[in-house]
Amino acid sequence: MDADKIEDIEIRLLLEAIYRRYHYDFRNYAQASIRRRLRQARERMGFATFSALQDKLLHDPALAAKVLRFLTVQVSDFFRDPSYFKALREKVVPHLRTYPSLKVWIAGCSAGEELHSLTILFREEGLETRTLFYATDINSEALEAAERGIYPLERIKAFTENHRLSGGRSSLSDYYTTGYGGAVFDKSLRERVVFSDHSLVTDAVFSEMHLISCRNVMIYFDRALQDRAVGLFRDSLTRNGFLGLGSKESLRFSAHSADFADFVREEKIYQRRKA
């Protein structure tokens, strides 16, 4: 048996071990991506084989937490893809204004960049006080970072430009102060946020959502897992609720595509059809 086939077996066993021991399920993530990230973890942690990594991981929860950081992508920006947020502001917000109260789910919130982008947008559009935000991720360290709301100062210039391009109605500097070696975003932006550990692989729906933003998460899933996630979003949305995906994601080949209509096609914003 050649080395690649042995590695495939080791990776499958390692992912099964992570699931059975720690209840994080990466078994149906896109294999090329998961293989690349596991190789990085193995090499940086100094293990010769995945079998050796698995043996240590099963008995060392601290090592499992380190491996989890490699398996969950924590890369985002404030107002990433500004045209997406501009479309939300100009096309989706007018519909949301018609509701007396709103629920918004940021699925895979990472370190909170998209969450803060949405709370700022909703504040600028006068919707924040009637909205409850749910920010979820499988990575507890990412959730803690999102709750802190502190970002490196060197990233603020790009954040500010994105905010401007998204149609921002104020200066981004209105929302943060400098300290702790970074930009500290106002804690009032998180007063209406519920932070929660949630897996799109294994967990259930959040009910009666008016907007779900899950961007650049499903590109790491295989087709079956993508379909599960989209079904979860469908069942979580109100009738005529909105779903926003990343620029490289689509519902085109989803088993649930008939349950959604294109709303702003070029920005991957969809609307749940009436039952």
Protein backbone atom coordinates (compact mmCIF):
# COMPACT_ATOMS: atom_id res chain seq x y z
CA MET A 1 0.00 0.00 0.00
CA ASP A 2 1.48 3.35 -1.03
CA ALA A 3 2.06 6.27 1.33
CA ASP A 4 -0.91 8.34 0.08
CA LYS A 5 -3.38 5.54 0.77
CA ILE A 6 -1.94 5.00 4.23
CA GLU A 7 -2.25 8.74 4.88
CA ASP A 8 -5.89 8.66 3.75
CA ILE A 9 -6.61 5.93 6.28
CA GLU A 10 -4.79 7.83 9.04
CA ILE A 11 -6.73 11.03 8.31
CA ARG A 12 -10.08 9.23 8.35
CA LEU A 13 -9.20 7.61 11.67
CA LEU A 14 -7.98 10.92 13.09
CA LEU A 15 -11.20 12.72 12.14
CA GLU A 16 -13.23 9.86 13.60
CA ALA A 17 -11.20 10.11 16.83
CA ILE A 18 -11.81 13.88 17.04
CA TYR A 19 -15.53 13.29 16.59
CA ARG A 20 -15.83 10.45 19.10
CA ARG A 21 -13.57 12.02 21.75
CA TYR A 22 -14.41 15.74 21.44
CA HIS A 23 -17.68 15.80 19.42
CA TYR A 24 -16.35 18.04 16.64
CA ASP A 25 -17.32 16.56 13.29
CA PHE A 26 -15.01 17.32 10.37
CA ARG A 27 -15.61 13.99 8.61
CA ASN A 28 -17.58 15.53 5.76
CA TYR A 29 -15.47 18.61 5.22
CA ALA A 30 -13.89 18.97 1.77
CA GLN A 31 -11.01 16.50 1.82
CA ALA A 32 -8.40 18.60 0.01
CA SER A 33 -8.86 21.45 2.48
CA ILE A 34 -8.93 19.29 5.59
CA ARG A 35 -5.86 17.34 4.45
CA ARG A 36 -3.90 20.55 3.90
CA ARG A 37 -4.78 21.95 7.32
CA LEU A 38 -4.07 18.68 9.12
CA ARG A 39 -0.67 18.47 7.46
CA GLN A 40 0.09 21.97 8.71
CA ALA A 41 -0.96 20.97 12.23
CA ARG A 42 1.08 17.77 12.20
CA GLU A 43 4.22 19.46 10.88
CA ARG A 44 4.10 22.47 13.21
CA MET A 45 3.46 20.25 16.23
CA GLY A 46 6.35 17.97 15.32
CA PHE A 47 4.57 14.66 14.69
CA ALA A 48 5.98 12.29 12.10
CA THR A 49 2.61 10.70 11.30
CA PHE A 50 -1.09 11.35 11.75
CA SER A 51 -1.26 8.17 13.82
CA ALA A 52 1.19 9.65 16.30
CA LEU A 53 -0.84 12.87 16.39
CA GLN A 54 -4.03 10.89 16.98
CA ASP A 55 -2.56 8.95 19.88
CA LYS A 56 -1.48 12.13 21.64
CA LEU A 57 -4.68 14.00 20.83
CA LEU A 58 -6.92 11.32 22.34
CA HIS A 59 -5.27 11.78 25.72
CA ASP A 60 -4.52 15.52 25.68
CA PRO A 61 -7.47 17.96 25.40
CA ALA A 62 -5.07 20.91 25.24
CA LEU A 63 -3.55 19.49 22.06
CA ALA A 64 -7.05 18.96 20.66
CA ALA A 65 -7.75 22.67 21.13
CA LYS A 66 -4.61 23.49 19.15
CA VAL A 67 -5.60 21.16 16.32
CA LEU A 68 -9.06 22.74 16.27
CA ARG A 69 -7.48 26.10 15.55
CA PHE A 70 -5.97 24.65 12.37
CA LEU A 71 -9.26 23.06 11.31
CA THR A 72 -11.41 26.18 11.72
CA VAL A 73 -10.56 29.07 9.44
CA GLN A 74 -10.48 32.36 11.34
CA VAL A 75 -9.88 34.86 8.55
CA SER A 76 -12.27 37.74 7.92
CA ASP A 77 -12.53 41.52 7.76
CA PHE A 78 -14.98 44.20 8.78
CA PHE A 79 -17.38 44.73 5.87
CA ARG A 80 -15.57 42.08 3.84
CA ASP A 81 -16.78 42.37 0.24
CA PRO A 82 -18.28 45.85 0.76
CA SER A 83 -20.73 45.43 -2.12
CA TYR A 84 -22.43 42.61 -0.16
CA PHE A 85 -23.07 44.93 2.78
CA LYS A 86 -24.15 47.72 0.45
CA ALA A 87 -26.72 45.33 -1.06
CA LEU A 88 -27.95 44.44 2.43
CA ARG A 89 -28.24 48.14 3.24
CA GLU A 90 -30.02 49.13 0.04
CA LYS A 91 -32.05 46.03 -0.88
CA VAL A 92 -32.63 43.92 2.25
CA VAL A 93 -32.97 46.54 5.00
CA PRO A 94 -36.13 48.11 3.45
CA HIS A 95 -37.84 44.72 3.84
CA LEU A 96 -36.54 44.25 7.37
CA ARG A 97 -37.93 47.65 8.38
CA THR A 98 -41.45 46.22 8.05
CA TYR A 99 -40.96 43.89 11.05
CA PRO A 100 -41.47 45.09 14.64
CA SER A 101 -38.66 42.82 15.85
CA LEU A 102 -35.86 40.99 14.09
CA LYS A 103 -33.54 38.04 14.55
CA VAL A 104 -30.21 37.80 12.73
CA TRP A 105 -27.90 34.77 12.77
CA ILE A 106 -24.22 35.07 11.91
CA ALA A 107 -23.23 31.43 11.41
CA GLY A 108 -19.50 30.80 11.63
CA CYS A 109 -18.84 34.21 13.15
CA SER A 110 -15.10 33.61 13.58
CA ALA A 111 -13.51 36.40 15.64
CA GLY A 112 -16.49 38.70 15.18
CA GLU A 113 -15.61 40.87 12.21
CA GLU A 114 -18.83 40.11 10.34
CA LEU A 115 -20.87 40.34 13.53
CA HIS A 116 -19.61 43.85 14.27
CA SER A 117 -20.11 44.82 10.63
CA LEU A 118 -23.77 43.86 10.88
CA THR A 119 -24.40 45.47 14.27
CA ILE A 120 -22.85 48.70 12.98
CA LEU A 121 -24.91 48.52 9.78
CA PHE A 122 -28.11 47.88 11.74
CA ARG A 123 -27.31 50.78 14.09
CA GLU A 124 -26.75 53.11 11.16
CA GLU A 125 -30.02 51.99 9.59
CA GLY A 126 -31.99 52.40 12.84
CA LEU A 127 -32.72 48.69 13.29
CA GLU A 128 -30.31 47.73 16.07
CA THR A 129 -32.66 48.26 19.02
CA ARG A 130 -35.31 45.95 17.56
CA THR A 131 -32.82 43.21 16.59
CA LEU A 132 -31.43 40.22 18.44
CA PHE A 133 -28.20 38.87 16.95
CA TYR A 134 -27.02 35.27 17.29
CA ALA A 135 -23.28 34.79 16.72
CA THR A 136 -22.20 31.16 16.51
CA ASP A 137 -19.04 29.20 15.86
CA ILE A 138 -17.59 25.82 16.81
CA ASN A 139 -14.36 27.41 18.02
CA SER A 140 -14.66 28.67 21.61
CA GLU A 141 -11.51 30.79 21.28
CA ALA A 142 -13.01 32.55 18.26
CA LEU A 143 -16.20 33.25 20.20
CA GLU A 144 -14.18 34.71 23.06
CA ALA A 145 -12.33 36.97 20.63
CA ALA A 146 -15.65 38.09 19.14
CA GLU A 147 -16.96 38.93 22.61
CA ARG A 148 -13.84 41.00 23.37
CA GLY A 149 -14.14 43.00 20.17
CA ILE A 150 -10.46 43.98 20.03
CA TYR A 151 -8.63 44.04 16.69
CA PRO A 152 -5.05 44.98 15.69
CA LEU A 153 -4.60 48.62 14.79
CA GLU A 154 -2.87 47.73 11.54
CA ARG A 155 -6.14 46.23 10.27
CA ILE A 156 -8.23 49.33 10.93
CA LYS A 157 -7.28 51.19 7.75
CA ALA A 158 -8.68 48.37 5.60
CA PHE A 159 -11.74 48.05 7.86
CA THR A 160 -12.41 51.79 7.51
CA GLU A 161 -12.21 51.71 3.72
CA ASN A 162 -14.52 48.71 3.53
CA HIS A 163 -17.03 50.49 5.77
CA ARG A 164 -16.96 53.54 3.50
CA LEU A 165 -17.45 51.44 0.38
CA SER A 166 -20.36 49.62 1.99
CA GLY A 167 -22.28 52.88 2.22
CA GLY A 168 -21.43 53.61 5.85
CA ARG A 169 -23.33 56.59 7.24
CA SER A 170 -20.68 57.59 9.76
CA SER A 171 -16.99 57.17 10.46
CA LEU A 172 -15.86 53.75 11.66
CA SER A 173 -13.81 55.57 14.30
CA ASP A 174 -17.10 56.47 16.01
CA TYR A 175 -17.37 52.85 17.12
CA TYR A 176 -13.98 52.15 18.69
CA THR A 177 -11.31 53.50 20.98
CA THR A 178 -7.65 52.56 21.03
CA GLY A 179 -6.21 50.56 23.90
CA TYR A 180 -4.80 47.17 24.85
CA GLY A 181 -2.56 47.42 21.80
CA GLY A 182 -5.51 47.51 19.42
CA ALA A 183 -8.85 49.01 18.47
CA VAL A 184 -11.49 48.24 21.10
CA PHE A 185 -14.98 48.28 19.63
CA ASP A 186 -17.74 49.69 21.80
CA LYS A 187 -19.30 47.02 23.99
CA SER A 188 -22.73 48.49 23.23
CA LEU A 189 -22.39 46.87 19.80
CA ARG A 190 -22.59 43.50 21.56
CA GLU A 191 -25.37 44.24 24.05
CA ARG A 192 -27.97 42.59 21.82
CA VAL A 193 -25.78 39.64 20.82
CA VAL A 194 -26.13 36.04 21.98
CA PHE A 195 -22.85 34.14 21.57
CA SER A 196 -23.19 30.39 21.25
CA ASP A 197 -21.19 27.29 20.36
CA HIS A 198 -23.03 25.79 17.39
CA SER A 199 -22.05 23.29 14.70
CA LEU A 200 -23.68 23.29 11.28
CA VAL A 201 -22.68 19.62 11.10
CA THR A 202 -24.49 18.27 14.15
CA ASP A 203 -26.68 20.92 15.80
CA ALA A 204 -30.30 21.94 15.25
CA VAL A 205 -32.00 25.04 13.91
CA PHE A 206 -32.37 28.52 15.32
CA SER A 207 -36.01 29.43 14.75
CA GLU A 208 -37.67 32.44 13.16
CA MET A 209 -34.60 34.17 11.73
CA HIS A 210 -35.13 37.10 9.39
CA LEU A 211 -31.55 37.17 8.11
CA ILE A 212 -28.84 34.52 8.16
CA SER A 213 -25.35 35.47 7.06
CA CYS A 214 -23.04 32.48 6.59
CA ARG A 215 -20.21 33.54 4.36
CA ASN A 216 -17.13 31.58 3.34
CA VAL A 217 -17.98 28.65 5.58
CA MET A 218 -19.64 26.14 3.26
CA ILE A 219 -16.75 26.23 0.79
CA TYR A 220 -15.00 23.92 3.26
CA PHE A 221 -17.88 21.38 3.27
CA ASP A 222 -18.51 18.50 0.91
CA ARG A 223 -21.79 18.44 -1.03
CA ALA A 224 -23.75 16.40 1.52
CA LEU A 225 -22.74 18.70 4.36
CA GLN A 226 -23.51 21.79 2.29
CA ASP A 227 -27.00 20.42 1.72
CA ARG A 228 -27.43 19.80 5.46
CA ALA A 229 -26.39 23.37 6.25
CA VAL A 230 -28.70 24.89 3.63
CA GLY A 231 -31.58 22.76 4.92
CA LEU A 232 -30.80 24.04 8.41
CA PHE A 233 -30.91 27.63 7.18
CA ARG A 234 -34.18 27.03 5.31
CA ASP A 235 -35.81 25.63 8.42
CA SER A 236 -34.46 28.49 10.55
CA LEU A 237 -35.73 31.31 8.35
CA THR A 238 -39.11 32.96 8.46
CA ARG A 239 -41.05 32.97 5.22
CA ASN A 240 -39.42 35.54 2.95
CA GLY A 241 -36.35 35.61 5.23
CA PHE A 242 -32.92 36.25 3.72
CA LEU A 243 -29.77 34.15 3.41
CA GLY A 244 -26.39 35.63 2.54
CA LEU A 245 -23.50 33.46 1.35
CA GLY A 246 -19.88 34.10 0.41
CA SER A 247 -18.80 35.26 -3.03
CA LYS A 248 -17.60 31.78 -4.02
CA GLU A 249 -20.64 29.97 -2.64
CA SER A 250 -23.97 29.24 -4.30
CA LEU A 251 -27.27 27.43 -3.89
CA ARG A 252 -27.23 26.48 -7.56
CA PHE A 253 -26.52 22.78 -7.00
CA SER A 254 -28.12 22.44 -3.58
CA ALA A 255 -30.85 19.90 -2.96
CA HIS A 256 -32.76 22.81 -1.37
CA SER A 257 -32.28 25.37 -4.14
CA ALA A 258 -36.00 25.32 -5.02
CA ASP A 259 -36.78 26.64 -1.53
CA PHE A 260 -34.95 29.91 -2.28
CA ALA A 261 -35.20 32.66 -4.85
CA ASP A 262 -32.34 34.82 -6.04
CA PHE A 263 -32.75 38.22 -4.38
CA VAL A 264 -29.45 39.95 -5.20
CA ARG A 265 -27.86 37.34 -7.41
CA GLU A 266 -24.46 38.97 -7.86
CA GLU A 267 -24.01 39.26 -4.07
CA LYS A 268 -25.27 35.72 -3.29
CA ILE A 269 -28.25 36.98 -1.29
CA TYR A 270 -31.26 34.67 -1.41
CA GLN A 271 -34.82 34.88 -0.13
CA ARG A 272 -36.70 31.93 1.32
CA ARG A 273 -39.75 31.17 -0.75
CA LYS A 274 -43.16 30.95 0.87
CA ALA A 275 -44.07 27.41 1.85
